[in-house]
Amino acid sequence: MCPNKVWYKNYKQISGGIVLVGNNKSCKVIGIGSLRIGMHNRIEMVLEDVRHVPELKRNMISLGTLNKEGCGYKCDRGSLEIH
């Protein structure tokens, strides 16, 4: 999920959809699209079906969804590595 609409490619506005965030607040999903993200090792990944949630303060990535899509990850001492 991402709050910044200008980062999306292939953006499609949708009506309906709500996500429940950590503080138990409901936030509306107003669009969906793909995002290109740059990793620290200069590799770029494209995330598909990313929800546009303007009320968020930060981007959120689901590790469970990445795992289902075939990505692995490693977390160690406050650092997250996705491969």
PDB file of N, CA and C in Angstrom:
ATOM      1  N   MET A   1       0.844  -1.173   0.000  1.00  0.00           N
ATOM      2  CA  MET A   1       0.000   0.000   0.000  1.00  0.00           C
ATOM      3  C   MET A   1       0.886   1.231   0.000  1.00  0.00           C
ATOM      4  N   CYS A   2       0.419   2.268  -0.658  1.00  0.00           N
ATOM      5  CA  CYS A   2       1.209   3.485  -0.784  1.00  0.00           C
ATOM      6  C   CYS A   2       0.263   4.696  -0.818  1.00  0.00           C
ATOM      7  N   PRO A   3       0.652   5.795  -0.160  1.00  0.00           N
ATOM      8  CA  PRO A   3      -0.198   6.984  -0.175  1.00  0.00           C
ATOM      9  C   PRO A   3       0.072   7.942  -1.337  1.00  0.00           C
ATOM     10  N   ASN A   4       1.165   7.772  -2.076  1.00  0.00           N
ATOM     11  CA  ASN A   4       1.611   8.749  -3.061  1.00  0.00           C
ATOM     12  C   ASN A   4       1.186   8.351  -4.477  1.00  0.00           C
ATOM     13  N   LYS A   5       0.156   8.976  -5.008  1.00  0.00           N
ATOM     14  CA  LYS A   5      -0.412   8.597  -6.311  1.00  0.00           C
ATOM     15  C   LYS A   5       0.566   8.774  -7.471  1.00  0.00           C
ATOM     16  N   VAL A   6       1.439   9.766  -7.419  1.00  0.00           N
ATOM     17  CA  VAL A   6       2.331  10.033  -8.555  1.00  0.00           C
ATOM     18  C   VAL A   6       3.362   8.924  -8.778  1.00  0.00           C
ATOM     19  N   TRP A   7       3.562   8.044  -7.826  1.00  0.00           N
ATOM     20  CA  TRP A   7       4.520   6.944  -7.972  1.00  0.00           C
ATOM     21  C   TRP A   7       3.963   5.764  -8.766  1.00  0.00           C
ATOM     22  N   TYR A   8       2.661   5.729  -8.990  1.00  0.00           N
ATOM     23  CA  TYR A   8       2.014   4.576  -9.623  1.00  0.00           C
ATOM     24  C   TYR A   8       2.169   4.587 -11.140  1.00  0.00           C
ATOM     25  N   LYS A   9       2.284   3.393 -11.696  1.00  0.00           N
ATOM     26  CA  LYS A   9       2.183   3.155 -13.129  1.00  0.00           C
ATOM     27  C   LYS A   9       0.930   2.311 -13.328  1.00  0.00           C
ATOM     28  N   ASN A  10       0.323   2.422 -14.490  1.00  0.00           N
ATOM     29  CA  ASN A  10      -0.887   1.629 -14.781  1.00  0.00           C
ATOM     30  C   ASN A  10      -1.942   1.817 -13.689  1.00  0.00           C
ATOM     31  N   TYR A  11      -2.130   3.038 -13.263  1.00  0.00           N
ATOM     32  CA  TYR A  11      -3.053   3.342 -12.164  1.00  0.00           C
ATOM     33  C   TYR A  11      -4.494   3.221 -12.630  1.00  0.00           C
ATOM     34  N   LYS A  12      -5.316   2.604 -11.789  1.00  0.00           N
ATOM     35  CA  LYS A  12      -6.743   2.471 -12.063  1.00  0.00           C
ATOM     36  C   LYS A  12      -7.504   2.882 -10.810  1.00  0.00           C
ATOM     37  N   GLN A  13      -8.375   3.871 -10.961  1.00  0.00           N
ATOM     38  CA  GLN A  13      -9.192   4.303  -9.831  1.00  0.00           C
ATOM     39  C   GLN A  13     -10.249   3.247  -9.554  1.00  0.00           C
ATOM     40  N   ILE A  14     -10.472   2.963  -8.278  1.00  0.00           N
ATOM     41  CA  ILE A  14     -11.495   1.988  -7.896  1.00  0.00           C
ATOM     42  C   ILE A  14     -12.391   2.609  -6.835  1.00  0.00           C
ATOM     43  N   SER A  15     -13.582   2.087  -6.744  1.00  0.00           N
ATOM     44  CA  SER A  15     -14.481   2.537  -5.685  1.00  0.00           C
ATOM     45  C   SER A  15     -14.721   1.368  -4.748  1.00  0.00           C
ATOM     46  N   GLY A  16     -14.584   1.636  -3.488  1.00  0.00           N
ATOM     47  CA  GLY A  16     -14.762   0.581  -2.506  1.00  0.00           C
ATOM     48  C   GLY A  16     -13.436   0.006  -2.072  1.00  0.00           C
ATOM     49  N   GLY A  17     -13.450  -0.652  -0.996  1.00  0.00           N
ATOM     50  CA  GLY A  17     -12.253  -1.246  -0.443  1.00  0.00           C
ATOM     51  C   GLY A  17     -11.765  -0.471   0.766  1.00  0.00           C
ATOM     52  N   ILE A  18     -11.515  -1.178   1.821  1.00  0.00           N
ATOM     53  CA  ILE A  18     -11.051  -0.587   3.072  1.00  0.00           C
ATOM     54  C   ILE A  18      -9.960  -1.486   3.632  1.00  0.00           C
ATOM     55  N   VAL A  19      -8.925  -0.866   4.189  1.00  0.00           N
ATOM     56  CA  VAL A  19      -7.899  -1.625   4.897  1.00  0.00           C
ATOM     57  C   VAL A  19      -7.911  -1.184   6.350  1.00  0.00           C
ATOM     58  N   LEU A  20      -7.649  -2.123   7.222  1.00  0.00           N
ATOM     59  CA  LEU A  20      -7.574  -1.852   8.648  1.00  0.00           C
ATOM     60  C   LEU A  20      -6.102  -1.809   9.024  1.00  0.00           C
ATOM     61  N   VAL A  21      -5.621  -0.670   9.507  1.00  0.00           N
ATOM     62  CA  VAL A  21      -4.208  -0.505   9.837  1.00  0.00           C
ATOM     63  C   VAL A  21      -3.971  -0.763  11.326  1.00  0.00           C
ATOM     64  N   GLY A  22      -2.687  -0.728  11.709  1.00  0.00           N
ATOM     65  CA  GLY A  22      -2.259  -1.147  13.044  1.00  0.00           C
ATOM     66  C   GLY A  22      -2.954  -0.484  14.221  1.00  0.00           C
ATOM     67  N   ASN A  23      -3.368   0.771  14.081  1.00  0.00           N
ATOM     68  CA  ASN A  23      -4.035   1.436  15.198  1.00  0.00           C
ATOM     69  C   ASN A  23      -5.546   1.202  15.181  1.00  0.00           C
ATOM     70  N   ASN A  24      -5.982   0.204  14.411  1.00  0.00           N
ATOM     71  CA  ASN A  24      -7.388  -0.181  14.292  1.00  0.00           C
ATOM     72  C   ASN A  24      -8.222   0.855  13.544  1.00  0.00           C
ATOM     73  N   LYS A  25      -7.577   1.675  12.727  1.00  0.00           N
ATOM     74  CA  LYS A  25      -8.269   2.682  11.931  1.00  0.00           C
ATOM     75  C   LYS A  25      -8.569   2.109  10.549  1.00  0.00           C
ATOM     76  N   SER A  26      -9.761   2.377  10.035  1.00  0.00           N
ATOM     77  CA  SER A  26     -10.141   1.971   8.689  1.00  0.00           C
ATOM     78  C   SER A  26      -9.757   3.060   7.703  1.00  0.00           C
ATOM     79  N   CYS A  27      -9.088   2.684   6.609  1.00  0.00           N
ATOM     80  CA  CYS A  27      -8.666   3.627   5.583  1.00  0.00           C
ATOM     81  C   CYS A  27      -9.199   3.171   4.231  1.00  0.00           C
ATOM     82  N   LYS A  28      -9.680   4.112   3.426  1.00  0.00           N
ATOM     83  CA  LYS A  28     -10.237   3.793   2.111  1.00  0.00           C
ATOM     84  C   LYS A  28      -9.143   3.542   1.088  1.00  0.00           C
ATOM     85  N   VAL A  29      -9.373   2.525   0.249  1.00  0.00           N
ATOM     86  CA  VAL A  29      -8.546   2.259  -0.920  1.00  0.00           C
ATOM     87  C   VAL A  29      -9.238   2.950  -2.082  1.00  0.00           C
ATOM     88  N   ILE A  30      -8.513   3.851  -2.798  1.00  0.00           N
ATOM     89  CA  ILE A  30      -9.154   4.590  -3.882  1.00  0.00           C
ATOM     90  C   ILE A  30      -8.587   4.252  -5.262  1.00  0.00           C
ATOM     91  N   GLY A  31      -7.549   3.419  -5.299  1.00  0.00           N
ATOM     92  CA  GLY A  31      -6.966   3.050  -6.580  1.00  0.00           C
ATOM     93  C   GLY A  31      -6.047   1.861  -6.430  1.00  0.00           C
ATOM     94  N   ILE A  32      -5.585   1.376  -7.580  1.00  0.00           N
ATOM     95  CA  ILE A  32      -4.679   0.231  -7.600  1.00  0.00           C
ATOM     96  C   ILE A  32      -3.769   0.375  -8.824  1.00  0.00           C
ATOM     97  N   GLY A  33      -2.546  -0.108  -8.700  1.00  0.00           N
ATOM     98  CA  GLY A  33      -1.617  -0.012  -9.819  1.00  0.00           C
ATOM     99  C   GLY A  33      -0.313  -0.702  -9.489  1.00  0.00           C
ATOM    100  N   SER A  34       0.699  -0.429 -10.291  1.00  0.00           N
ATOM    101  CA  SER A  34       2.006  -1.030 -10.059  1.00  0.00           C
ATOM    102  C   SER A  34       3.001   0.057  -9.664  1.00  0.00           C
ATOM    103  N   LEU A  35       3.995  -0.345  -8.880  1.00  0.00           N
ATOM    104  CA  LEU A  35       5.054   0.554  -8.431  1.00  0.00           C
ATOM    105  C   LEU A  35       6.396  -0.065  -8.730  1.00  0.00           C
ATOM    106  N   ARG A  36       7.339   0.753  -9.181  1.00  0.00           N
ATOM    107  CA  ARG A  36       8.719   0.314  -9.387  1.00  0.00           C
ATOM    108  C   ARG A  36       9.511   0.804  -8.186  1.00  0.00           C
ATOM    109  N   ILE A  37      10.190  -0.122  -7.503  1.00  0.00           N
ATOM    110  CA  ILE A  37      10.985   0.271  -6.338  1.00  0.00           C
ATOM    111  C   ILE A  37      12.440  -0.096  -6.564  1.00  0.00           C
ATOM    112  N   GLY A  38      13.328   0.768  -6.124  1.00  0.00           N
ATOM    113  CA  GLY A  38      14.758   0.527  -6.232  1.00  0.00           C
ATOM    114  C   GLY A  38      15.290  -0.051  -4.939  1.00  0.00           C
ATOM    115  N   MET A  39      16.074  -1.092  -5.064  1.00  0.00           N
ATOM    116  CA  MET A  39      16.670  -1.731  -3.903  1.00  0.00           C
ATOM    117  C   MET A  39      18.069  -1.144  -3.678  1.00  0.00           C
ATOM    118  N   HIS A  40      18.648  -1.401  -2.511  1.00  0.00           N
ATOM    119  CA  HIS A  40      19.973  -0.879  -2.187  1.00  0.00           C
ATOM    120  C   HIS A  40      21.063  -1.427  -3.099  1.00  0.00           C
ATOM    121  N   ASN A  41      20.846  -2.613  -3.671  1.00  0.00           N
ATOM    122  CA  ASN A  41      21.843  -3.207  -4.561  1.00  0.00           C
ATOM    123  C   ASN A  41      21.616  -2.798  -6.027  1.00  0.00           C
ATOM    124  N   ARG A  42      20.829  -1.756  -6.233  1.00  0.00           N
ATOM    125  CA  ARG A  42      20.537  -1.150  -7.545  1.00  0.00           C
ATOM    126  C   ARG A  42      19.641  -1.993  -8.435  1.00  0.00           C
ATOM    127  N   ILE A  43      19.100  -3.060  -7.905  1.00  0.00           N
ATOM    128  CA  ILE A  43      18.123  -3.852  -8.646  1.00  0.00           C
ATOM    129  C   ILE A  43      16.761  -3.198  -8.443  1.00  0.00           C
ATOM    130  N   GLU A  44      15.960  -3.153  -9.504  1.00  0.00           N
ATOM    131  CA  GLU A  44      14.613  -2.616  -9.409  1.00  0.00           C
ATOM    132  C   GLU A  44      13.609  -3.752  -9.439  1.00  0.00           C
ATOM    133  N   MET A  45      12.573  -3.611  -8.625  1.00  0.00           N
ATOM    134  CA  MET A  45      11.474  -4.572  -8.602  1.00  0.00           C
ATOM    135  C   MET A  45      10.194  -3.831  -8.949  1.00  0.00           C
ATOM    136  N   VAL A  46       9.269  -4.523  -9.580  1.00  0.00           N
ATOM    137  CA  VAL A  46       7.953  -3.961  -9.852  1.00  0.00           C
ATOM    138  C   VAL A  46       6.952  -4.714  -8.980  1.00  0.00           C
ATOM    139  N   LEU A  47       6.250  -3.969  -8.162  1.00  0.00           N
ATOM    140  CA  LEU A  47       5.200  -4.542  -7.331  1.00  0.00           C
ATOM    141  C   LEU A  47       3.870  -4.297  -8.022  1.00  0.00           C
ATOM    142  N   GLU A  48       3.091  -5.354  -8.204  1.00  0.00           N
ATOM    143  CA  GLU A  48       1.798  -5.272  -8.889  1.00  0.00           C
ATOM    144  C   GLU A  48       0.660  -5.212  -7.873  1.00  0.00           C
ATOM    145  N   ASP A  49      -0.463  -4.704  -8.308  1.00  0.00           N
ATOM    146  CA  ASP A  49      -1.692  -4.651  -7.494  1.00  0.00           C
ATOM    147  C   ASP A  49      -1.467  -3.933  -6.167  1.00  0.00           C
ATOM    148  N   VAL A  50      -0.733  -2.835  -6.208  1.00  0.00           N
ATOM    149  CA  VAL A  50      -0.475  -2.040  -5.008  1.00  0.00           C
ATOM    150  C   VAL A  50      -1.675  -1.126  -4.774  1.00  0.00           C
ATOM    151  N   ARG A  51      -2.189  -1.150  -3.572  1.00  0.00           N
ATOM    152  CA  ARG A  51      -3.358  -0.331  -3.224  1.00  0.00           C
ATOM    153  C   ARG A  51      -2.938   1.111  -2.953  1.00  0.00           C
ATOM    154  N   HIS A  52      -3.724   2.060  -3.451  1.00  0.00           N
ATOM    155  CA  HIS A  52      -3.508   3.478  -3.162  1.00  0.00           C
ATOM    156  C   HIS A  52      -4.388   3.858  -1.971  1.00  0.00           C
ATOM    157  N   VAL A  53      -3.730   4.156  -0.864  1.00  0.00           N
ATOM    158  CA  VAL A  53      -4.421   4.500   0.389  1.00  0.00           C
ATOM    159  C   VAL A  53      -3.868   5.852   0.852  1.00  0.00           C
ATOM    160  N   PRO A  54      -4.517   6.959   0.454  1.00  0.00           N
ATOM    161  CA  PRO A  54      -3.989   8.294   0.737  1.00  0.00           C
ATOM    162  C   PRO A  54      -3.813   8.621   2.225  1.00  0.00           C
ATOM    163  N   GLU A  55      -4.572   7.993   3.102  1.00  0.00           N
ATOM    164  CA  GLU A  55      -4.493   8.301   4.534  1.00  0.00           C
ATOM    165  C   GLU A  55      -3.240   7.763   5.223  1.00  0.00           C
ATOM    166  N   LEU A  56      -2.511   6.865   4.557  1.00  0.00           N
ATOM    167  CA  LEU A  56      -1.301   6.317   5.166  1.00  0.00           C
ATOM    168  C   LEU A  56      -0.220   7.393   5.285  1.00  0.00           C
ATOM    169  N   LYS A  57       0.614   7.256   6.274  1.00  0.00           N
ATOM    170  CA  LYS A  57       1.759   8.152   6.444  1.00  0.00           C
ATOM    171  C   LYS A  57       3.010   7.586   5.774  1.00  0.00           C
ATOM    172  N   ARG A  58       3.056   6.256   5.612  1.00  0.00           N
ATOM    173  CA  ARG A  58       4.213   5.570   5.041  1.00  0.00           C
ATOM    174  C   ARG A  58       3.733   4.446   4.121  1.00  0.00           C
ATOM    175  N   ASN A  59       4.630   3.962   3.275  1.00  0.00           N
ATOM    176  CA  ASN A  59       4.337   2.804   2.435  1.00  0.00           C
ATOM    177  C   ASN A  59       4.322   1.554   3.303  1.00  0.00           C
ATOM    178  N   MET A  60       3.537   0.569   2.893  1.00  0.00           N
ATOM    179  CA  MET A  60       3.492  -0.697   3.618  1.00  0.00           C
ATOM    180  C   MET A  60       3.624  -1.841   2.616  1.00  0.00           C
ATOM    181  N   ILE A  61       4.515  -2.783   2.924  1.00  0.00           N
ATOM    182  CA  ILE A  61       4.694  -3.962   2.077  1.00  0.00           C
ATOM    183  C   ILE A  61       4.368  -5.198   2.911  1.00  0.00           C
ATOM    184  N   SER A  62       3.553  -6.073   2.368  1.00  0.00           N
ATOM    185  CA  SER A  62       3.189  -7.309   3.045  1.00  0.00           C
ATOM    186  C   SER A  62       4.215  -8.394   2.746  1.00  0.00           C
ATOM    187  N   LEU A  63       4.904  -8.875   3.770  1.00  0.00           N
ATOM    188  CA  LEU A  63       5.869  -9.955   3.579  1.00  0.00           C
ATOM    189  C   LEU A  63       5.177 -11.237   3.140  1.00  0.00           C
ATOM    190  N   GLY A  64       3.982 -11.478   3.641  1.00  0.00           N
ATOM    191  CA  GLY A  64       3.221 -12.657   3.236  1.00  0.00           C
ATOM    192  C   GLY A  64       2.903 -12.641   1.744  1.00  0.00           C
ATOM    193  N   THR A  65       2.536 -11.468   1.225  1.00  0.00           N
ATOM    194  CA  THR A  65       2.247 -11.343  -0.200  1.00  0.00           C
ATOM    195  C   THR A  65       3.511 -11.523  -1.028  1.00  0.00           C
ATOM    196  N   LEU A  66       4.621 -10.929  -0.596  1.00  0.00           N
ATOM    197  CA  LEU A  66       5.885 -11.123  -1.309  1.00  0.00           C
ATOM    198  C   LEU A  66       6.264 -12.603  -1.356  1.00  0.00           C
ATOM    199  N   ASN A  67       6.060 -13.302  -0.248  1.00  0.00           N
ATOM    200  CA  ASN A  67       6.374 -14.724  -0.175  1.00  0.00           C
ATOM    201  C   ASN A  67       5.514 -15.510  -1.160  1.00  0.00           C
ATOM    202  N   LYS A  68       4.225 -15.209  -1.226  1.00  0.00           N
ATOM    203  CA  LYS A  68       3.326 -15.889  -2.163  1.00  0.00           C
ATOM    204  C   LYS A  68       3.735 -15.653  -3.607  1.00  0.00           C
ATOM    205  N   GLU A  69       4.339 -14.493  -3.891  1.00  0.00           N
ATOM    206  CA  GLU A  69       4.766 -14.147  -5.242  1.00  0.00           C
ATOM    207  C   GLU A  69       6.150 -14.696  -5.581  1.00  0.00           C
ATOM    208  N   GLY A  70       6.744 -15.458  -4.653  1.00  0.00           N
ATOM    209  CA  GLY A  70       8.012 -16.105  -4.933  1.00  0.00           C
ATOM    210  C   GLY A  70       9.249 -15.381  -4.433  1.00  0.00           C
ATOM    211  N   CYS A  71       9.067 -14.295  -3.724  1.00  0.00           N
ATOM    212  CA  CYS A  71      10.213 -13.571  -3.163  1.00  0.00           C
ATOM    213  C   CYS A  71      10.572 -14.164  -1.805  1.00  0.00           C
ATOM    214  N   GLY A  72      11.844 -14.146  -1.508  1.00  0.00           N
ATOM    215  CA  GLY A  72      12.295 -14.539  -0.187  1.00  0.00           C
ATOM    216  C   GLY A  72      12.732 -13.299   0.574  1.00  0.00           C
ATOM    217  N   TYR A  73      12.884 -13.431   1.854  1.00  0.00           N
ATOM    218  CA  TYR A  73      13.357 -12.301   2.641  1.00  0.00           C
ATOM    219  C   TYR A  73      14.103 -12.788   3.864  1.00  0.00           C
ATOM    220  N   LYS A  74      14.961 -11.930   4.357  1.00  0.00           N
ATOM    221  CA  LYS A  74      15.757 -12.225   5.534  1.00  0.00           C
ATOM    222  C   LYS A  74      15.773 -10.969   6.401  1.00  0.00           C
ATOM    223  N   CYS A  75      15.521 -11.138   7.674  1.00  0.00           N
ATOM    224  CA  CYS A  75      15.533 -10.014   8.604  1.00  0.00           C
ATOM    225  C   CYS A  75      16.586 -10.282   9.658  1.00  0.00           C
ATOM    226  N   ASP A  76      17.469  -9.285   9.875  1.00  0.00           N
ATOM    227  CA  ASP A  76      18.528  -9.451  10.838  1.00  0.00           C
ATOM    228  C   ASP A  76      18.914  -8.097  11.408  1.00  0.00           C
ATOM    229  N   ARG A  77      18.784  -7.931  12.703  1.00  0.00           N
ATOM    230  CA  ARG A  77      19.214  -6.724  13.424  1.00  0.00           C
ATOM    231  C   ARG A  77      18.670  -5.431  12.810  1.00  0.00           C
ATOM    232  N   GLY A  78      17.381  -5.417  12.544  1.00  0.00           N
ATOM    233  CA  GLY A  78      16.749  -4.205  12.040  1.00  0.00           C
ATOM    234  C   GLY A  78      16.880  -3.969  10.554  1.00  0.00           C
ATOM    235  N   SER A  79      17.431  -4.926   9.825  1.00  0.00           N
ATOM    236  CA  SER A  79      17.608  -4.796   8.387  1.00  0.00           C
ATOM    237  C   SER A  79      16.799  -5.885   7.680  1.00  0.00           C
ATOM    238  N   LEU A  80      16.070  -5.503   6.638  1.00  0.00           N
ATOM    239  CA  LEU A  80      15.260  -6.452   5.873  1.00  0.00           C
ATOM    240  C   LEU A  80      15.838  -6.567   4.467  1.00  0.00           C
ATOM    241  N   GLU A  81      16.137  -7.787   4.055  1.00  0.00           N
ATOM    242  CA  GLU A  81      16.676  -8.052   2.722  1.00  0.00           C
ATOM    243  C   GLU A  81      15.642  -8.881   1.957  1.00  0.00           C
ATOM    244  N   ILE A  82      15.238  -8.377   0.783  1.00  0.00           N
ATOM    245  CA  ILE A  82      14.264  -9.079  -0.068  1.00  0.00           C
ATOM    246  C   ILE A  82      14.994  -9.571  -1.297  1.00  0.00           C
ATOM    247  N   HIS A  83      14.770 -10.855  -1.650  1.00  0.00           N
ATOM    248  CA  HIS A  83      15.421 -11.415  -2.831  1.00  0.00           C
ATOM    249  C   HIS A  83      14.485 -12.369  -3.544  1.00  0.00           C
TER     250      HIS A  83
END
